[in-house]
Amino acid sequence: MFRGISVGKEGTHITHLQFADDTLIFCEAKKHYLLRIKNILLSFQAFLGLRVNYHKSGLLVIGKDEVWGQQVAKLLDCTIIQLPMMYLGIPLEASMRKSTSWQCIIEKIQKRLQS
């Protein structure tokens, strides 16, 4: 129904990741893919009686201009997320390959190991 993204040297294909009550959905930046995702979420709501809180949902746009992102966010009824951001207490940046991007995570782990 939609195409995910390829990551890593081997080109691992992912469409989503789930953590407790969070779901991250990855897809190419095409409006028809995003509309299909919205329809999947609406079907989820109808079948299970649960609700997706779109006001707590966000869209991270990579490779498209700001106007496109704003149009799609309005269509999906969510907000635009900008990098850097915090997710599960971990800062996410556009350049996670740099060692400095991992410094605060390393410090948190060192503190836990000391106790």
PDB file of N, CA and C in Angstrom:
ATOM      1  N   MET A   1       0.809  -1.206   0.000  1.00  0.00           N
ATOM      2  CA  MET A   1       0.000   0.000   0.000  1.00  0.00           C
ATOM      3  C   MET A   1       0.852   1.269   0.000  1.00  0.00           C
ATOM      4  N   PHE A   2       2.068   1.161   0.569  1.00  0.00           N
ATOM      5  CA  PHE A   2       3.012   2.270   0.501  1.00  0.00           C
ATOM      6  C   PHE A   2       4.414   1.710   0.592  1.00  0.00           C
ATOM      7  N   ARG A   3       5.367   2.446   0.123  1.00  0.00           N
ATOM      8  CA  ARG A   3       6.752   2.001   0.099  1.00  0.00           C
ATOM      9  C   ARG A   3       7.496   2.628   1.273  1.00  0.00           C
ATOM     10  N   GLY A   4       8.166   1.782   2.036  1.00  0.00           N
ATOM     11  CA  GLY A   4       8.963   2.249   3.161  1.00  0.00           C
ATOM     12  C   GLY A   4      10.276   2.839   2.677  1.00  0.00           C
ATOM     13  N   ILE A   5      11.279   2.779   3.525  1.00  0.00           N
ATOM     14  CA  ILE A   5      12.590   3.326   3.181  1.00  0.00           C
ATOM     15  C   ILE A   5      13.653   2.256   3.368  1.00  0.00           C
ATOM     16  N   SER A   6      14.796   2.441   2.717  1.00  0.00           N
ATOM     17  CA  SER A   6      15.937   1.549   2.876  1.00  0.00           C
ATOM     18  C   SER A   6      16.973   2.245   3.730  1.00  0.00           C
ATOM     19  N   VAL A   7      17.535   1.507   4.702  1.00  0.00           N
ATOM     20  CA  VAL A   7      18.532   2.085   5.603  1.00  0.00           C
ATOM     21  C   VAL A   7      19.734   1.166   5.696  1.00  0.00           C
ATOM     22  N   GLY A   8      20.873   1.729   6.039  1.00  0.00           N
ATOM     23  CA  GLY A   8      22.084   0.948   6.261  1.00  0.00           C
ATOM     24  C   GLY A   8      22.785   0.532   4.987  1.00  0.00           C
ATOM     25  N   LYS A   9      23.940  -0.071   5.163  1.00  0.00           N
ATOM     26  CA  LYS A   9      24.764  -0.492   4.025  1.00  0.00           C
ATOM     27  C   LYS A   9      24.108  -1.602   3.221  1.00  0.00           C
ATOM     28  N   GLU A  10      23.371  -2.487   3.912  1.00  0.00           N
ATOM     29  CA  GLU A  10      22.707  -3.590   3.217  1.00  0.00           C
ATOM     30  C   GLU A  10      21.357  -3.180   2.627  1.00  0.00           C
ATOM     31  N   GLY A  11      20.915  -1.969   2.897  1.00  0.00           N
ATOM     32  CA  GLY A  11      19.641  -1.498   2.362  1.00  0.00           C
ATOM     33  C   GLY A  11      18.438  -2.169   2.995  1.00  0.00           C
ATOM     34  N   THR A  12      18.489  -2.371   4.310  1.00  0.00           N
ATOM     35  CA  THR A  12      17.362  -2.967   5.035  1.00  0.00           C
ATOM     36  C   THR A  12      16.123  -2.121   4.819  1.00  0.00           C
ATOM     37  N   HIS A  13      15.033  -2.777   4.468  1.00  0.00           N
ATOM     38  CA  HIS A  13      13.784  -2.083   4.140  1.00  0.00           C
ATOM     39  C   HIS A  13      12.889  -2.036   5.382  1.00  0.00           C
ATOM     40  N   ILE A  14      12.485  -0.828   5.795  1.00  0.00           N
ATOM     41  CA  ILE A  14      11.586  -0.701   6.939  1.00  0.00           C
ATOM     42  C   ILE A  14      10.383   0.157   6.575  1.00  0.00           C
ATOM     43  N   THR A  15       9.255  -0.186   7.158  1.00  0.00           N
ATOM     44  CA  THR A  15       8.044   0.612   6.990  1.00  0.00           C
ATOM     45  C   THR A  15       7.583   1.199   8.311  1.00  0.00           C
ATOM     46  N   HIS A  16       7.923   0.534   9.428  1.00  0.00           N
ATOM     47  CA  HIS A  16       7.485   1.030  10.724  1.00  0.00           C
ATOM     48  C   HIS A  16       8.328   0.454  11.849  1.00  0.00           C
ATOM     49  N   LEU A  17       8.306   1.151  12.966  1.00  0.00           N
ATOM     50  CA  LEU A  17       8.899   0.702  14.221  1.00  0.00           C
ATOM     51  C   LEU A  17       7.869   0.973  15.309  1.00  0.00           C
ATOM     52  N   GLN A  18       7.764   0.080  16.280  1.00  0.00           N
ATOM     53  CA  GLN A  18       6.816   0.284  17.369  1.00  0.00           C
ATOM     54  C   GLN A  18       7.528   0.180  18.708  1.00  0.00           C
ATOM     55  N   PHE A  19       7.215   1.111  19.607  1.00  0.00           N
ATOM     56  CA  PHE A  19       7.754   1.151  20.954  1.00  0.00           C
ATOM     57  C   PHE A  19       6.591   1.436  21.898  1.00  0.00           C
ATOM     58  N   ALA A  20       6.213   0.468  22.704  1.00  0.00           N
ATOM     59  CA  ALA A  20       5.114   0.627  23.673  1.00  0.00           C
ATOM     60  C   ALA A  20       3.892   1.231  22.981  1.00  0.00           C
ATOM     61  N   ASP A  21       3.589   2.482  23.264  1.00  0.00           N
ATOM     62  CA  ASP A  21       2.412   3.095  22.645  1.00  0.00           C
ATOM     63  C   ASP A  21       2.773   4.081  21.534  1.00  0.00           C
ATOM     64  N   ASP A  22       3.976   3.993  21.011  1.00  0.00           N
ATOM     65  CA  ASP A  22       4.413   4.845  19.898  1.00  0.00           C
ATOM     66  C   ASP A  22       4.614   3.999  18.653  1.00  0.00           C
ATOM     67  N   THR A  23       4.237   4.543  17.528  1.00  0.00           N
ATOM     68  CA  THR A  23       4.500   3.901  16.240  1.00  0.00           C
ATOM     69  C   THR A  23       5.139   4.931  15.325  1.00  0.00           C
ATOM     70  N   LEU A  24       6.278   4.571  14.753  1.00  0.00           N
ATOM     71  CA  LEU A  24       6.935   5.407  13.755  1.00  0.00           C
ATOM     72  C   LEU A  24       6.696   4.758  12.405  1.00  0.00           C
ATOM     73  N   ILE A  25       6.158   5.519  11.464  1.00  0.00           N
ATOM     74  CA  ILE A  25       5.887   5.001  10.130  1.00  0.00           C
ATOM     75  C   ILE A  25       6.803   5.724   9.155  1.00  0.00           C
ATOM     76  N   PHE A  26       7.493   4.943   8.328  1.00  0.00           N
ATOM     77  CA  PHE A  26       8.435   5.487   7.352  1.00  0.00           C
ATOM     78  C   PHE A  26       7.893   5.234   5.955  1.00  0.00           C
ATOM     79  N   CYS A  27       7.902   6.264   5.129  1.00  0.00           N
ATOM     80  CA  CYS A  27       7.509   6.060   3.734  1.00  0.00           C
ATOM     81  C   CYS A  27       8.127   7.146   2.864  1.00  0.00           C
ATOM     82  N   GLU A  28       8.132   6.875   1.578  1.00  0.00           N
ATOM     83  CA  GLU A  28       8.586   7.891   0.628  1.00  0.00           C
ATOM     84  C   GLU A  28       7.644   9.087   0.710  1.00  0.00           C
ATOM     85  N   ALA A  29       8.177  10.251   0.416  1.00  0.00           N
ATOM     86  CA  ALA A  29       7.410  11.492   0.532  1.00  0.00           C
ATOM     87  C   ALA A  29       6.493  11.671  -0.680  1.00  0.00           C
ATOM     88  N   LYS A  30       5.425  10.878  -0.693  1.00  0.00           N
ATOM     89  CA  LYS A  30       4.422  10.978  -1.750  1.00  0.00           C
ATOM     90  C   LYS A  30       3.047  11.073  -1.099  1.00  0.00           C
ATOM     91  N   LYS A  31       2.254  12.054  -1.537  1.00  0.00           N
ATOM     92  CA  LYS A  31       0.953  12.295  -0.910  1.00  0.00           C
ATOM     93  C   LYS A  31       0.055  11.062  -0.927  1.00  0.00           C
ATOM     94  N   HIS A  32       0.061  10.304  -2.032  1.00  0.00           N
ATOM     95  CA  HIS A  32      -0.835   9.158  -2.090  1.00  0.00           C
ATOM     96  C   HIS A  32      -0.431   8.076  -1.082  1.00  0.00           C
ATOM     97  N   TYR A  33       0.864   7.958  -0.762  1.00  0.00           N
ATOM     98  CA  TYR A  33       1.287   7.023   0.281  1.00  0.00           C
ATOM     99  C   TYR A  33       0.774   7.491   1.646  1.00  0.00           C
ATOM    100  N   LEU A  34       0.887   8.786   1.891  1.00  0.00           N
ATOM    101  CA  LEU A  34       0.448   9.327   3.178  1.00  0.00           C
ATOM    102  C   LEU A  34      -1.069   9.207   3.345  1.00  0.00           C
ATOM    103  N   LEU A  35      -1.809   9.384   2.260  1.00  0.00           N
ATOM    104  CA  LEU A  35      -3.260   9.204   2.335  1.00  0.00           C
ATOM    105  C   LEU A  35      -3.617   7.750   2.627  1.00  0.00           C
ATOM    106  N   ARG A  36      -2.854   6.816   2.083  1.00  0.00           N
ATOM    107  CA  ARG A  36      -3.089   5.400   2.369  1.00  0.00           C
ATOM    108  C   ARG A  36      -2.815   5.103   3.839  1.00  0.00           C
ATOM    109  N   ILE A  37      -1.766   5.691   4.376  1.00  0.00           N
ATOM    110  CA  ILE A  37      -1.472   5.506   5.799  1.00  0.00           C
ATOM    111  C   ILE A  37      -2.606   6.067   6.640  1.00  0.00           C
ATOM    112  N   LYS A  38      -3.102   7.235   6.276  1.00  0.00           N
ATOM    113  CA  LYS A  38      -4.223   7.832   7.004  1.00  0.00           C
ATOM    114  C   LYS A  38      -5.439   6.900   6.948  1.00  0.00           C
ATOM    115  N   ASN A  39      -5.706   6.301   5.797  1.00  0.00           N
ATOM    116  CA  ASN A  39      -6.835   5.371   5.672  1.00  0.00           C
ATOM    117  C   ASN A  39      -6.615   4.122   6.528  1.00  0.00           C
ATOM    118  N   ILE A  40      -5.386   3.639   6.600  1.00  0.00           N
ATOM    119  CA  ILE A  40      -5.078   2.492   7.470  1.00  0.00           C
ATOM    120  C   ILE A  40      -5.380   2.852   8.923  1.00  0.00           C
ATOM    121  N   LEU A  41      -4.970   4.052   9.343  1.00  0.00           N
ATOM    122  CA  LEU A  41      -5.228   4.480  10.717  1.00  0.00           C
ATOM    123  C   LEU A  41      -6.718   4.653  10.985  1.00  0.00           C
ATOM    124  N   LEU A  42      -7.457   5.166  10.016  1.00  0.00           N
ATOM    125  CA  LEU A  42      -8.906   5.302  10.173  1.00  0.00           C
ATOM    126  C   LEU A  42      -9.571   3.928  10.276  1.00  0.00           C
ATOM    127  N   SER A  43      -9.094   2.956   9.504  1.00  0.00           N
ATOM    128  CA  SER A  43      -9.620   1.590   9.579  1.00  0.00           C
ATOM    129  C   SER A  43      -9.317   0.981  10.946  1.00  0.00           C
ATOM    130  N   PHE A  44      -8.107   1.219  11.443  1.00  0.00           N
ATOM    131  CA  PHE A  44      -7.718   0.763  12.777  1.00  0.00           C
ATOM    132  C   PHE A  44      -8.707   1.282  13.814  1.00  0.00           C
ATOM    133  N   GLN A  45      -9.015   2.567  13.734  1.00  0.00           N
ATOM    134  CA  GLN A  45      -9.961   3.176  14.672  1.00  0.00           C
ATOM    135  C   GLN A  45     -11.335   2.525  14.567  1.00  0.00           C
ATOM    136  N   ALA A  46     -11.813   2.321  13.350  1.00  0.00           N
ATOM    137  CA  ALA A  46     -13.151   1.764  13.139  1.00  0.00           C
ATOM    138  C   ALA A  46     -13.255   0.327  13.651  1.00  0.00           C
ATOM    139  N   PHE A  47     -12.236  -0.484  13.398  1.00  0.00           N
ATOM    140  CA  PHE A  47     -12.288  -1.894  13.778  1.00  0.00           C
ATOM    141  C   PHE A  47     -12.096  -2.122  15.275  1.00  0.00           C
ATOM    142  N   LEU A  48     -11.177  -1.376  15.879  1.00  0.00           N
ATOM    143  CA  LEU A  48     -10.823  -1.631  17.265  1.00  0.00           C
ATOM    144  C   LEU A  48     -11.477  -0.681  18.267  1.00  0.00           C
ATOM    145  N   GLY A  49     -12.080   0.381  17.778  1.00  0.00           N
ATOM    146  CA  GLY A  49     -12.704   1.330  18.683  1.00  0.00           C
ATOM    147  C   GLY A  49     -11.706   2.213  19.420  1.00  0.00           C
ATOM    148  N   LEU A  50     -10.438   2.119  19.069  1.00  0.00           N
ATOM    149  CA  LEU A  50      -9.415   2.985  19.651  1.00  0.00           C
ATOM    150  C   LEU A  50      -9.269   4.228  18.790  1.00  0.00           C
ATOM    151  N   ARG A  51      -8.632   5.249  19.321  1.00  0.00           N
ATOM    152  CA  ARG A  51      -8.469   6.492  18.575  1.00  0.00           C
ATOM    153  C   ARG A  51      -7.002   6.860  18.456  1.00  0.00           C
ATOM    154  N   VAL A  52      -6.654   7.368  17.298  1.00  0.00           N
ATOM    155  CA  VAL A  52      -5.320   7.929  17.084  1.00  0.00           C
ATOM    156  C   VAL A  52      -5.410   9.399  17.451  1.00  0.00           C
ATOM    157  N   ASN A  53      -4.519   9.852  18.318  1.00  0.00           N
ATOM    158  CA  ASN A  53      -4.492  11.253  18.708  1.00  0.00           C
ATOM    159  C   ASN A  53      -3.630  12.017  17.702  1.00  0.00           C
ATOM    160  N   TYR A  54      -4.264  12.553  16.687  1.00  0.00           N
ATOM    161  CA  TYR A  54      -3.531  13.235  15.624  1.00  0.00           C
ATOM    162  C   TYR A  54      -2.867  14.521  16.109  1.00  0.00           C
ATOM    163  N   HIS A  55      -3.394  15.108  17.196  1.00  0.00           N
ATOM    164  CA  HIS A  55      -2.783  16.335  17.714  1.00  0.00           C
ATOM    165  C   HIS A  55      -1.452  16.042  18.399  1.00  0.00           C
ATOM    166  N   LYS A  56      -1.216  14.791  18.800  1.00  0.00           N
ATOM    167  CA  LYS A  56       0.062  14.391  19.374  1.00  0.00           C
ATOM    168  C   LYS A  56       0.952  13.739  18.314  1.00  0.00           C
ATOM    169  N   SER A  57       0.444  13.623  17.104  1.00  0.00           N
ATOM    170  CA  SER A  57       1.191  13.001  16.012  1.00  0.00           C
ATOM    171  C   SER A  57       1.972  14.053  15.258  1.00  0.00           C
ATOM    172  N   GLY A  58       3.092  13.643  14.684  1.00  0.00           N
ATOM    173  CA  GLY A  58       3.928  14.591  13.961  1.00  0.00           C
ATOM    174  C   GLY A  58       4.447  14.015  12.666  1.00  0.00           C
ATOM    175  N   LEU A  59       4.807  14.896  11.770  1.00  0.00           N
ATOM    176  CA  LEU A  59       5.329  14.542  10.456  1.00  0.00           C
ATOM    177  C   LEU A  59       6.718  15.140  10.310  1.00  0.00           C
ATOM    178  N   LEU A  60       7.693  14.285  10.067  1.00  0.00           N
ATOM    179  CA  LEU A  60       9.059  14.740   9.798  1.00  0.00           C
ATOM    180  C   LEU A  60       9.280  14.612   8.298  1.00  0.00           C
ATOM    181  N   VAL A  61       9.464  15.725   7.631  1.00  0.00           N
ATOM    182  CA  VAL A  61       9.596  15.757   6.179  1.00  0.00           C
ATOM    183  C   VAL A  61      11.069  15.910   5.812  1.00  0.00           C
ATOM    184  N   ILE A  62      11.551  14.991   4.976  1.00  0.00           N
ATOM    185  CA  ILE A  62      12.934  15.057   4.508  1.00  0.00           C
ATOM    186  C   ILE A  62      12.921  15.030   2.984  1.00  0.00           C
ATOM    187  N   GLY A  63      13.574  15.994   2.370  1.00  0.00           N
ATOM    188  CA  GLY A  63      13.689  16.016   0.913  1.00  0.00           C
ATOM    189  C   GLY A  63      12.565  16.724   0.189  1.00  0.00           C
ATOM    190  N   LYS A  64      11.699  17.387   0.909  1.00  0.00           N
ATOM    191  CA  LYS A  64      10.623  18.177   0.293  1.00  0.00           C
ATOM    192  C   LYS A  64      10.654  19.569   0.896  1.00  0.00           C
ATOM    193  N   ASP A  65      10.059  20.530   0.198  1.00  0.00           N
ATOM    194  CA  ASP A  65      10.080  21.891   0.720  1.00  0.00           C
ATOM    195  C   ASP A  65       9.037  22.073   1.827  1.00  0.00           C
ATOM    196  N   GLU A  66       9.155  23.196   2.516  1.00  0.00           N
ATOM    197  CA  GLU A  66       8.304  23.484   3.672  1.00  0.00           C
ATOM    198  C   GLU A  66       6.824  23.579   3.295  1.00  0.00           C
ATOM    199  N   VAL A  67       6.530  24.154   2.133  1.00  0.00           N
ATOM    200  CA  VAL A  67       5.135  24.292   1.689  1.00  0.00           C
ATOM    201  C   VAL A  67       4.491  22.917   1.523  1.00  0.00           C
ATOM    202  N   TRP A  68       5.217  21.988   0.893  1.00  0.00           N
ATOM    203  CA  TRP A  68       4.706  20.625   0.720  1.00  0.00           C
ATOM    204  C   TRP A  68       4.431  19.991   2.083  1.00  0.00           C
ATOM    205  N   GLY A  69       5.368  20.148   3.000  1.00  0.00           N
ATOM    206  CA  GLY A  69       5.216  19.594   4.341  1.00  0.00           C
ATOM    207  C   GLY A  69       4.006  20.154   5.059  1.00  0.00           C
ATOM    208  N   GLN A  70       3.797  21.464   4.960  1.00  0.00           N
ATOM    209  CA  GLN A  70       2.643  22.094   5.614  1.00  0.00           C
ATOM    210  C   GLN A  70       1.330  21.598   5.009  1.00  0.00           C
ATOM    211  N   GLN A  71       1.283  21.446   3.691  1.00  0.00           N
ATOM    212  CA  GLN A  71       0.078  20.943   3.035  1.00  0.00           C
ATOM    213  C   GLN A  71      -0.257  19.527   3.499  1.00  0.00           C
ATOM    214  N   VAL A  72       0.755  18.674   3.552  1.00  0.00           N
ATOM    215  CA  VAL A  72       0.540  17.281   3.952  1.00  0.00           C
ATOM    216  C   VAL A  72       0.182  17.199   5.436  1.00  0.00           C
ATOM    217  N   ALA A  73       0.830  17.995   6.275  1.00  0.00           N
ATOM    218  CA  ALA A  73       0.514  18.000   7.708  1.00  0.00           C
ATOM    219  C   ALA A  73      -0.942  18.415   7.926  1.00  0.00           C
ATOM    220  N   LYS A  74      -1.407  19.388   7.165  1.00  0.00           N
ATOM    221  CA  LYS A  74      -2.812  19.813   7.271  1.00  0.00           C
ATOM    222  C   LYS A  74      -3.734  18.683   6.818  1.00  0.00           C
ATOM    223  N   LEU A  75      -3.370  18.007   5.749  1.00  0.00           N
ATOM    224  CA  LEU A  75      -4.143  16.891   5.232  1.00  0.00           C
ATOM    225  C   LEU A  75      -4.231  15.755   6.265  1.00  0.00           C
ATOM    226  N   LEU A  76      -3.124  15.498   6.965  1.00  0.00           N
ATOM    227  CA  LEU A  76      -3.080  14.434   7.961  1.00  0.00           C
ATOM    228  C   LEU A  76      -3.537  14.888   9.346  1.00  0.00           C
ATOM    229  N   ASP A  77      -3.759  16.176   9.515  1.00  0.00           N
ATOM    230  CA  ASP A  77      -4.198  16.756  10.787  1.00  0.00           C
ATOM    231  C   ASP A  77      -3.149  16.534  11.888  1.00  0.00           C
ATOM    232  N   CYS A  78      -1.885  16.802  11.539  1.00  0.00           N
ATOM    233  CA  CYS A  78      -0.806  16.660  12.514  1.00  0.00           C
ATOM    234  C   CYS A  78       0.136  17.849  12.386  1.00  0.00           C
ATOM    235  N   THR A  79       1.171  17.869  13.207  1.00  0.00           N
ATOM    236  CA  THR A  79       2.130  18.970  13.190  1.00  0.00           C
ATOM    237  C   THR A  79       3.407  18.548  12.467  1.00  0.00           C
ATOM    238  N   ILE A  80       4.189  19.528  12.081  1.00  0.00           N
ATOM    239  CA  ILE A  80       5.497  19.291  11.467  1.00  0.00           C
ATOM    240  C   ILE A  80       6.528  19.183  12.587  1.00  0.00           C
ATOM    241  N   ILE A  81       7.401  18.199  12.491  1.00  0.00           N
ATOM    242  CA  ILE A  81       8.489  18.011  13.456  1.00  0.00           C
ATOM    243  C   ILE A  81       9.785  18.454  12.780  1.00  0.00           C
ATOM    244  N   GLN A  82      10.584  19.188  13.519  1.00  0.00           N
ATOM    245  CA  GLN A  82      11.875  19.655  13.008  1.00  0.00           C
ATOM    246  C   GLN A  82      13.004  18.950  13.746  1.00  0.00           C
ATOM    247  N   LEU A  83      14.090  18.689  13.049  1.00  0.00           N
ATOM    248  CA  LEU A  83      15.300  18.177  13.690  1.00  0.00           C
ATOM    249  C   LEU A  83      16.145  19.347  14.137  1.00  0.00           C
ATOM    250  N   PRO A  84      16.850  19.290  15.248  1.00  0.00           N
ATOM    251  CA  PRO A  84      16.920  18.173  16.184  1.00  0.00           C
ATOM    252  C   PRO A  84      15.653  18.099  17.036  1.00  0.00           C
ATOM    253  N   MET A  85      15.360  16.890  17.526  1.00  0.00           N
ATOM    254  CA  MET A  85      14.208  16.659  18.377  1.00  0.00           C
ATOM    255  C   MET A  85      14.559  15.605  19.408  1.00  0.00           C
ATOM    256  N   MET A  86      13.740  15.490  20.426  1.00  0.00           N
ATOM    257  CA  MET A  86      13.925  14.450  21.439  1.00  0.00           C
ATOM    258  C   MET A  86      12.897  13.356  21.187  1.00  0.00           C
ATOM    259  N   TYR A  87      13.341  12.099  21.239  1.00  0.00           N
ATOM    260  CA  TYR A  87      12.432  10.965  21.137  1.00  0.00           C
ATOM    261  C   TYR A  87      12.849   9.932  22.171  1.00  0.00           C
ATOM    262  N   LEU A  88      11.934   9.609  23.079  1.00  0.00           N
ATOM    263  CA  LEU A  88      12.207   8.681  24.177  1.00  0.00           C
ATOM    264  C   LEU A  88      13.436   9.101  24.977  1.00  0.00           C
ATOM    265  N   GLY A  89      13.587  10.415  25.142  1.00  0.00           N
ATOM    266  CA  GLY A  89      14.696  10.951  25.918  1.00  0.00           C
ATOM    267  C   GLY A  89      16.025  10.983  25.188  1.00  0.00           C
ATOM    268  N   ILE A  90      16.009  10.638  23.911  1.00  0.00           N
ATOM    269  CA  ILE A  90      17.238  10.618  23.116  1.00  0.00           C
ATOM    270  C   ILE A  90      17.153  11.707  22.052  1.00  0.00           C
ATOM    271  N   PRO A  91      18.165  12.566  21.965  1.00  0.00           N
ATOM    272  CA  PRO A  91      18.135  13.589  20.927  1.00  0.00           C
ATOM    273  C   PRO A  91      18.387  12.979  19.549  1.00  0.00           C
ATOM    274  N   LEU A  92      17.574  13.344  18.601  1.00  0.00           N
ATOM    275  CA  LEU A  92      17.761  12.913  17.221  1.00  0.00           C
ATOM    276  C   LEU A  92      18.144  14.125  16.400  1.00  0.00           C
ATOM    277  N   GLU A  93      19.183  13.958  15.603  1.00  0.00           N
ATOM    278  CA  GLU A  93      19.672  15.047  14.771  1.00  0.00           C
ATOM    279  C   GLU A  93      19.771  14.586  13.335  1.00  0.00           C
ATOM    280  N   ALA A  94      19.990  15.530  12.460  1.00  0.00           N
ATOM    281  CA  ALA A  94      20.135  15.203  11.041  1.00  0.00           C
ATOM    282  C   ALA A  94      21.463  14.502  10.777  1.00  0.00           C
ATOM    283  N   SER A  95      22.418  14.641  11.682  1.00  0.00           N
ATOM    284  CA  SER A  95      23.754  14.073  11.451  1.00  0.00           C
ATOM    285  C   SER A  95      24.125  13.106  12.568  1.00  0.00           C
ATOM    286  N   MET A  96      23.401  12.009  12.701  1.00  0.00           N
ATOM    287  CA  MET A  96      23.652  11.045  13.775  1.00  0.00           C
ATOM    288  C   MET A  96      24.947  10.258  13.566  1.00  0.00           C
ATOM    289  N   ARG A  97      25.603  10.435  12.434  1.00  0.00           N
ATOM    290  CA  ARG A  97      26.886   9.757  12.206  1.00  0.00           C
ATOM    291  C   ARG A  97      28.031  10.443  12.937  1.00  0.00           C
ATOM    292  N   LYS A  98      27.824  11.687  13.352  1.00  0.00           N
ATOM    293  CA  LYS A  98      28.870  12.407  14.082  1.00  0.00           C
ATOM    294  C   LYS A  98      28.903  11.917  15.525  1.00  0.00           C
ATOM    295  N   SER A  99      30.100  11.728  16.044  1.00  0.00           N
ATOM    296  CA  SER A  99      30.237  11.231  17.419  1.00  0.00           C
ATOM    297  C   SER A  99      29.662  12.213  18.437  1.00  0.00           C
ATOM    298  N   THR A 100      29.704  13.513  18.144  1.00  0.00           N
ATOM    299  CA  THR A 100      29.160  14.499  19.074  1.00  0.00           C
ATOM    300  C   THR A 100      27.650  14.346  19.255  1.00  0.00           C
ATOM    301  N   SER A 101      26.964  13.788  18.260  1.00  0.00           N
ATOM    302  CA  SER A 101      25.522  13.579  18.358  1.00  0.00           C
ATOM    303  C   SER A 101      25.185  12.532  19.411  1.00  0.00           C
ATOM    304  N   TRP A 102      26.120  11.672  19.739  1.00  0.00           N
ATOM    305  CA  TRP A 102      25.902  10.582  20.692  1.00  0.00           C
ATOM    306  C   TRP A 102      26.410  10.902  22.096  1.00  0.00           C
ATOM    307  N   GLN A 103      27.052  12.056  22.274  1.00  0.00           N
ATOM    308  CA  GLN A 103      27.704  12.363  23.546  1.00  0.00           C
ATOM    309  C   GLN A 103      26.739  12.350  24.728  1.00  0.00           C
ATOM    310  N   CYS A 104      25.566  12.945  24.603  1.00  0.00           N
ATOM    311  CA  CYS A 104      24.647  12.978  25.747  1.00  0.00           C
ATOM    312  C   CYS A 104      24.140  11.574  26.083  1.00  0.00           C
ATOM    313  N   ILE A 105      23.995  10.718  25.096  1.00  0.00           N
ATOM    314  CA  ILE A 105      23.571   9.334  25.335  1.00  0.00           C
ATOM    315  C   ILE A 105      24.674   8.587  26.076  1.00  0.00           C
ATOM    316  N   ILE A 106      25.911   8.776  25.662  1.00  0.00           N
ATOM    317  CA  ILE A 106      27.056   8.147  26.316  1.00  0.00           C
ATOM    318  C   ILE A 106      27.132   8.595  27.777  1.00  0.00           C
ATOM    319  N   GLU A 107      26.914   9.895  28.011  1.00  0.00           N
ATOM    320  CA  GLU A 107      26.953  10.415  29.383  1.00  0.00           C
ATOM    321  C   GLU A 107      25.854   9.806  30.241  1.00  0.00           C
ATOM    322  N   LYS A 108      24.649   9.638  29.698  1.00  0.00           N
ATOM    323  CA  LYS A 108      23.545   9.018  30.449  1.00  0.00           C
ATOM    324  C   LYS A 108      23.880   7.580  30.821  1.00  0.00           C
ATOM    325  N   ILE A 109      24.454   6.840  29.892  1.00  0.00           N
ATOM    326  CA  ILE A 109      24.822   5.456  30.165  1.00  0.00           C
ATOM    327  C   ILE A 109      25.931   5.382  31.209  1.00  0.00           C
ATOM    328  N   GLN A 110      26.914   6.273  31.126  1.00  0.00           N
ATOM    329  CA  GLN A 110      27.996   6.296  32.101  1.00  0.00           C
ATOM    330  C   GLN A 110      27.457   6.577  33.498  1.00  0.00           C
ATOM    331  N   LYS A 111      26.514   7.515  33.633  1.00  0.00           N
ATOM    332  CA  LYS A 111      25.915   7.824  34.932  1.00  0.00           C
ATOM    333  C   LYS A 111      25.197   6.612  35.500  1.00  0.00           C
ATOM    334  N   ARG A 112      24.473   5.900  34.672  1.00  0.00           N
ATOM    335  CA  ARG A 112      23.757   4.707  35.145  1.00  0.00           C
ATOM    336  C   ARG A 112      24.726   3.613  35.567  1.00  0.00           C
ATOM    337  N   LEU A 113      25.800   3.464  34.831  1.00  0.00           N
ATOM    338  CA  LEU A 113      26.783   2.440  35.176  1.00  0.00           C
ATOM    339  C   LEU A 113      27.503   2.759  36.483  1.00  0.00           C
ATOM    340  N   GLN A 114      27.676   4.041  36.792  1.00  0.00           N
ATOM    341  CA  GLN A 114      28.338   4.445  38.020  1.00  0.00           C
ATOM    342  C   GLN A 114      27.478   4.122  39.238  1.00  0.00           C
ATOM    343  N   SER A 115      26.165   4.174  39.083  1.00  0.00           N
ATOM    344  CA  SER A 115      25.290   3.889  40.231  1.00  0.00           C
ATOM    345  C   SER A 115      25.060   2.406  40.341  1.00  0.00           C
TER     346      SER A 115
END
